[in-house]
């Protein structure tokens, strides 16, 4: 049984309530609709199996941190921040290739 401590608790539970179909919740729908580079990071000791199923069903990129709970960045800081730096650097390189500035405007890469 879940005990609400605030209106925010009620709202979070309501937004995570199951929906019919492939997208399992309102929060899941919002995450899937983000039109930006994204990767879902999670620890193996903190995520319900239903979330893992959701990630697979929706073919979402994810990075698993073994034997880690909810606070990956404090439990495995070296591993997490190395991964984050690689992810950000990679998406920045992809973005620059895709949106190369025009030399006509005097902007060089």
N, C-alpha and C. Protein backbone atom coordinates (compact mmCIF):
# COMPACT_ATOMS: atom_id res chain seq x y z
N UNK A 1 0.84 -1.18 0.00
CA UNK A 1 0.00 0.00 0.00
C UNK A 1 0.88 1.24 0.00
N UNK A 2 0.51 2.22 -0.78
CA UNK A 2 1.26 3.47 -0.88
C UNK A 2 0.56 4.54 -0.08
N UNK A 3 1.32 5.25 0.77
CA UNK A 3 0.77 6.33 1.56
C UNK A 3 1.20 7.66 0.97
N UNK A 4 0.25 8.47 0.60
CA UNK A 4 0.54 9.77 0.03
C UNK A 4 0.97 10.72 1.13
N UNK A 5 2.04 11.47 0.85
CA UNK A 5 2.47 12.48 1.82
C UNK A 5 2.22 13.89 1.29
N UNK A 6 1.87 14.00 0.01
CA UNK A 6 1.61 15.32 -0.55
C UNK A 6 0.80 15.17 -1.84
N UNK A 7 0.34 16.31 -2.33
CA UNK A 7 -0.36 16.33 -3.62
C UNK A 7 0.58 15.90 -4.74
N UNK A 8 1.87 16.23 -4.59
CA UNK A 8 2.86 15.83 -5.59
C UNK A 8 2.95 14.31 -5.68
N UNK A 9 2.91 13.63 -4.53
CA UNK A 9 2.91 12.16 -4.53
C UNK A 9 1.71 11.62 -5.32
N UNK A 10 0.56 12.20 -5.08
CA UNK A 10 -0.65 11.77 -5.79
C UNK A 10 -0.49 11.95 -7.30
N UNK A 11 0.06 13.11 -7.69
CA UNK A 11 0.24 13.40 -9.11
C UNK A 11 1.24 12.43 -9.74
N UNK A 12 2.36 12.17 -9.08
CA UNK A 12 3.36 11.25 -9.63
C UNK A 12 2.79 9.84 -9.80
N UNK A 13 2.05 9.39 -8.82
CA UNK A 13 1.44 8.06 -8.92
C UNK A 13 0.43 8.05 -10.07
N UNK A 14 -0.38 9.08 -10.19
CA UNK A 14 -1.37 9.14 -11.26
C UNK A 14 -0.69 9.15 -12.63
N UNK A 15 0.41 9.87 -12.76
CA UNK A 15 1.11 9.93 -14.05
C UNK A 15 1.84 8.63 -14.37
N UNK A 16 2.09 7.80 -13.39
CA UNK A 16 2.73 6.51 -13.63
C UNK A 16 1.72 5.38 -13.70
N UNK A 17 0.46 5.70 -13.58
CA UNK A 17 -0.57 4.68 -13.66
C UNK A 17 -0.62 4.10 -15.06
N UNK A 18 -0.81 2.82 -15.14
CA UNK A 18 -0.77 2.12 -16.42
C UNK A 18 -1.81 2.63 -17.40
N UNK A 19 -1.39 2.75 -18.65
CA UNK A 19 -2.27 3.05 -19.76
C UNK A 19 -2.37 1.80 -20.63
N UNK A 20 -3.39 1.71 -21.41
CA UNK A 20 -3.52 0.59 -22.33
C UNK A 20 -2.55 0.78 -23.49
N UNK A 21 -2.04 -0.32 -24.02
CA UNK A 21 -1.19 -0.25 -25.20
C UNK A 21 0.28 -0.32 -24.88
N UNK A 22 1.07 0.00 -25.89
CA UNK A 22 2.53 -0.13 -25.80
C UNK A 22 3.14 0.86 -24.81
N UNK A 23 2.66 2.08 -24.78
CA UNK A 23 3.16 3.08 -23.84
C UNK A 23 2.45 2.86 -22.52
N UNK A 24 3.21 2.58 -21.47
CA UNK A 24 2.63 2.11 -20.21
C UNK A 24 2.14 3.19 -19.27
N UNK A 25 2.59 4.44 -19.45
CA UNK A 25 2.17 5.50 -18.54
C UNK A 25 2.31 6.85 -19.23
N UNK A 26 1.76 7.86 -18.60
CA UNK A 26 1.87 9.22 -19.13
C UNK A 26 3.34 9.65 -19.16
N UNK A 27 4.09 9.31 -18.12
CA UNK A 27 5.50 9.67 -18.08
C UNK A 27 6.26 8.92 -19.18
N UNK A 28 5.91 7.65 -19.40
CA UNK A 28 6.52 6.88 -20.48
C UNK A 28 6.23 7.49 -21.84
N UNK A 29 5.02 7.94 -22.03
CA UNK A 29 4.63 8.58 -23.29
C UNK A 29 5.45 9.86 -23.49
N UNK A 30 5.59 10.65 -22.44
CA UNK A 30 6.36 11.90 -22.54
C UNK A 30 7.82 11.60 -22.87
N UNK A 31 8.40 10.59 -22.23
CA UNK A 31 9.79 10.23 -22.48
C UNK A 31 9.98 9.78 -23.93
N UNK A 32 9.10 8.94 -24.42
CA UNK A 32 9.20 8.45 -25.80
C UNK A 32 9.07 9.58 -26.81
N UNK A 33 8.30 10.61 -26.49
CA UNK A 33 8.06 11.68 -27.44
C UNK A 33 9.17 12.73 -27.47
N UNK A 34 10.13 12.67 -26.55
CA UNK A 34 11.22 13.64 -26.57
C UNK A 34 12.01 13.49 -27.87
N UNK A 35 12.13 14.56 -28.60
CA UNK A 35 12.80 14.52 -29.89
C UNK A 35 14.24 15.05 -29.74
N UNK A 36 14.97 14.44 -28.82
CA UNK A 36 16.36 14.81 -28.56
C UNK A 36 17.14 13.51 -28.33
N UNK A 37 18.46 13.55 -28.47
CA UNK A 37 19.23 12.36 -28.11
C UNK A 37 19.01 12.04 -26.63
N UNK A 38 18.73 10.77 -26.35
CA UNK A 38 18.48 10.40 -24.96
C UNK A 38 18.91 8.96 -24.73
N UNK A 39 19.26 8.69 -23.52
CA UNK A 39 19.58 7.33 -23.11
C UNK A 39 19.08 7.18 -21.68
N UNK A 40 18.40 6.08 -21.40
CA UNK A 40 17.83 5.82 -20.08
C UNK A 40 18.87 5.05 -19.27
N UNK A 41 19.38 5.65 -18.21
CA UNK A 41 20.39 5.02 -17.35
C UNK A 41 19.70 4.46 -16.11
N UNK A 42 20.06 3.23 -15.76
CA UNK A 42 19.46 2.66 -14.56
C UNK A 42 20.39 1.63 -13.92
N UNK A 43 20.18 1.45 -12.62
CA UNK A 43 20.92 0.45 -11.86
C UNK A 43 20.10 -0.82 -11.75
N UNK A 44 20.76 -1.95 -11.72
CA UNK A 44 20.07 -3.23 -11.70
C UNK A 44 19.32 -3.49 -10.39
N UNK A 45 19.65 -2.77 -9.34
CA UNK A 45 18.98 -2.99 -8.06
C UNK A 45 17.84 -2.01 -7.79
N UNK A 46 17.45 -1.21 -8.80
CA UNK A 46 16.44 -0.20 -8.49
C UNK A 46 15.26 -0.15 -9.46
N UNK A 47 15.28 -0.94 -10.49
CA UNK A 47 14.27 -0.78 -11.52
C UNK A 47 13.34 -1.98 -11.59
N UNK A 48 12.03 -1.76 -11.51
CA UNK A 48 11.08 -2.86 -11.64
C UNK A 48 11.17 -3.48 -13.04
N UNK A 49 10.89 -4.75 -13.14
CA UNK A 49 10.99 -5.45 -14.42
C UNK A 49 10.05 -4.85 -15.47
N UNK A 50 8.94 -4.29 -15.06
CA UNK A 50 8.01 -3.68 -16.00
C UNK A 50 8.64 -2.52 -16.76
N UNK A 51 9.54 -1.79 -16.12
CA UNK A 51 10.21 -0.67 -16.79
C UNK A 51 11.19 -1.20 -17.83
N UNK A 52 11.91 -2.25 -17.49
CA UNK A 52 12.84 -2.87 -18.45
C UNK A 52 12.06 -3.36 -19.66
N UNK A 53 10.91 -3.99 -19.43
CA UNK A 53 10.07 -4.45 -20.53
C UNK A 53 9.63 -3.27 -21.40
N UNK A 54 9.24 -2.18 -20.76
CA UNK A 54 8.83 -0.97 -21.48
C UNK A 54 9.96 -0.46 -22.37
N UNK A 55 11.19 -0.41 -21.84
CA UNK A 55 12.34 0.07 -22.61
C UNK A 55 12.57 -0.80 -23.84
N UNK A 56 12.49 -2.12 -23.65
CA UNK A 56 12.69 -3.04 -24.77
C UNK A 56 11.57 -2.93 -25.80
N UNK A 57 10.33 -2.90 -25.34
CA UNK A 57 9.17 -2.83 -26.25
C UNK A 57 9.20 -1.58 -27.12
N UNK A 58 9.75 -0.51 -26.59
CA UNK A 58 9.78 0.76 -27.32
C UNK A 58 11.13 1.03 -27.96
N UNK A 59 12.01 0.04 -27.92
CA UNK A 59 13.32 0.13 -28.56
C UNK A 59 14.07 1.39 -28.13
N UNK A 60 14.08 1.65 -26.83
CA UNK A 60 14.73 2.84 -26.29
C UNK A 60 16.17 2.53 -25.89
N UNK A 61 17.06 3.46 -26.17
CA UNK A 61 18.46 3.30 -25.77
C UNK A 61 18.56 3.34 -24.26
N UNK A 62 19.36 2.44 -23.74
CA UNK A 62 19.56 2.46 -22.29
C UNK A 62 20.97 2.00 -21.94
N UNK A 63 21.40 2.36 -20.76
CA UNK A 63 22.70 1.98 -20.23
C UNK A 63 22.45 1.43 -18.84
N UNK A 64 22.85 0.18 -18.64
CA UNK A 64 22.64 -0.52 -17.37
C UNK A 64 23.92 -0.44 -16.55
N UNK A 65 23.76 -0.12 -15.27
CA UNK A 65 24.87 -0.10 -14.33
C UNK A 65 24.63 -1.24 -13.34
N UNK A 66 25.49 -2.25 -13.41
CA UNK A 66 25.32 -3.45 -12.59
C UNK A 66 25.51 -3.15 -11.10
N UNK A 67 24.76 -3.87 -10.28
CA UNK A 67 24.86 -3.78 -8.81
C UNK A 67 24.79 -2.34 -8.30
N UNK A 68 23.92 -1.57 -8.92
CA UNK A 68 23.74 -0.17 -8.54
C UNK A 68 22.26 0.07 -8.32
N UNK A 69 21.95 0.95 -7.38
CA UNK A 69 20.55 1.26 -7.09
C UNK A 69 20.15 2.55 -7.81
N UNK A 70 19.46 3.42 -7.12
CA UNK A 70 18.85 4.60 -7.73
C UNK A 70 19.84 5.73 -8.04
N UNK A 71 20.86 5.89 -7.23
CA UNK A 71 21.78 7.03 -7.37
C UNK A 71 23.08 6.60 -8.05
N UNK A 72 22.99 6.30 -9.31
CA UNK A 72 24.13 5.81 -10.07
C UNK A 72 25.32 6.77 -9.97
N UNK A 73 25.04 8.05 -10.08
CA UNK A 73 26.11 9.04 -10.10
C UNK A 73 26.90 9.13 -8.79
N UNK A 74 26.32 8.65 -7.70
CA UNK A 74 27.07 8.65 -6.44
C UNK A 74 27.62 7.27 -6.11
N UNK A 75 26.96 6.22 -6.58
CA UNK A 75 27.43 4.86 -6.30
C UNK A 75 28.57 4.44 -7.22
N UNK A 76 28.53 4.90 -8.45
CA UNK A 76 29.57 4.57 -9.44
C UNK A 76 29.94 5.84 -10.23
N UNK A 77 30.49 6.84 -9.53
CA UNK A 77 30.72 8.13 -10.19
C UNK A 77 31.68 8.05 -11.39
N UNK A 78 32.78 7.31 -11.27
CA UNK A 78 33.74 7.25 -12.38
C UNK A 78 33.09 6.64 -13.62
N UNK A 79 32.40 5.53 -13.43
CA UNK A 79 31.75 4.84 -14.56
C UNK A 79 30.64 5.71 -15.16
N UNK A 80 29.82 6.30 -14.29
CA UNK A 80 28.69 7.10 -14.77
C UNK A 80 29.17 8.33 -15.54
N UNK A 81 30.08 9.12 -14.95
CA UNK A 81 30.49 10.36 -15.59
C UNK A 81 31.34 10.11 -16.84
N UNK A 82 32.07 9.01 -16.89
CA UNK A 82 32.78 8.64 -18.13
C UNK A 82 31.77 8.36 -19.23
N UNK A 83 30.74 7.59 -18.89
CA UNK A 83 29.70 7.30 -19.87
C UNK A 83 29.00 8.58 -20.32
N UNK A 84 28.65 9.43 -19.37
CA UNK A 84 27.95 10.68 -19.69
C UNK A 84 28.78 11.55 -20.63
N UNK A 85 30.07 11.66 -20.35
CA UNK A 85 30.95 12.45 -21.21
C UNK A 85 30.99 11.86 -22.63
N UNK A 86 31.09 10.54 -22.74
CA UNK A 86 31.08 9.90 -24.06
C UNK A 86 29.76 10.16 -24.79
N UNK A 87 28.66 10.04 -24.07
CA UNK A 87 27.35 10.24 -24.68
C UNK A 87 27.19 11.67 -25.19
N UNK A 88 27.53 12.63 -24.35
CA UNK A 88 27.39 14.04 -24.74
C UNK A 88 28.34 14.36 -25.89
N UNK A 89 29.56 13.91 -25.83
CA UNK A 89 30.52 14.16 -26.92
C UNK A 89 30.04 13.55 -28.23
N UNK A 90 29.52 12.34 -28.16
CA UNK A 90 29.02 11.66 -29.35
C UNK A 90 27.83 12.36 -29.96
N UNK A 91 26.91 12.81 -29.14
CA UNK A 91 25.73 13.48 -29.69
C UNK A 91 26.11 14.84 -30.24
N UNK A 92 27.10 15.49 -29.65
CA UNK A 92 27.54 16.78 -30.17
C UNK A 92 28.21 16.61 -31.53
N UNK A 93 29.04 15.56 -31.71
CA UNK A 93 29.66 15.29 -33.01
C UNK A 93 28.59 15.00 -34.05
N UNK A 94 27.58 14.21 -33.69
CA UNK A 94 26.50 13.90 -34.64
C UNK A 94 25.74 15.17 -35.02
N UNK A 95 25.48 16.01 -34.04
CA UNK A 95 24.74 17.25 -34.30
C UNK A 95 25.53 18.14 -35.24
N UNK A 96 26.83 18.26 -35.03
CA UNK A 96 27.64 19.12 -35.89
C UNK A 96 27.70 18.59 -37.32
N UNK A 97 27.74 17.28 -37.49
CA UNK A 97 27.75 16.70 -38.83
C UNK A 97 26.43 16.99 -39.54
N UNK A 98 25.35 16.85 -38.80
CA UNK A 98 24.01 17.02 -39.38
C UNK A 98 23.72 18.48 -39.73
N UNK A 99 24.14 19.39 -38.88
CA UNK A 99 23.83 20.82 -39.04
C UNK A 99 25.10 21.63 -39.27
N UNK A 100 25.84 21.29 -40.29
CA UNK A 100 27.09 21.99 -40.57
C UNK A 100 26.79 23.43 -40.98
N UNK A 101 27.45 24.39 -40.34
CA UNK A 101 27.20 25.80 -40.68
C UNK A 101 27.57 26.10 -42.13
N UNK A 102 26.91 27.05 -42.70
CA UNK A 102 27.15 27.44 -44.09
C UNK A 102 28.39 28.32 -44.18
N UNK A 103 29.29 27.94 -45.10
CA UNK A 103 30.51 28.74 -45.31
C UNK A 103 30.17 30.09 -45.91
N UNK A 104 29.02 30.17 -46.58
CA UNK A 104 28.62 31.45 -47.20
C UNK A 104 28.43 32.53 -46.16
N UNK A 105 28.06 32.17 -44.97
CA UNK A 105 27.83 33.17 -43.94
C UNK A 105 29.12 33.52 -43.21
N UNK A 106 30.25 32.96 -43.67
CA UNK A 106 31.52 33.25 -43.02
C UNK A 106 31.75 32.45 -41.77
N UNK A 107 30.95 31.41 -41.55
CA UNK A 107 31.09 30.57 -40.37
C UNK A 107 31.81 29.29 -40.79
N UNK A 108 32.87 28.98 -40.09
CA UNK A 108 33.60 27.74 -40.40
C UNK A 108 33.50 26.80 -39.22
N UNK A 109 33.59 25.52 -39.53
CA UNK A 109 33.48 24.50 -38.50
C UNK A 109 34.81 24.27 -37.81
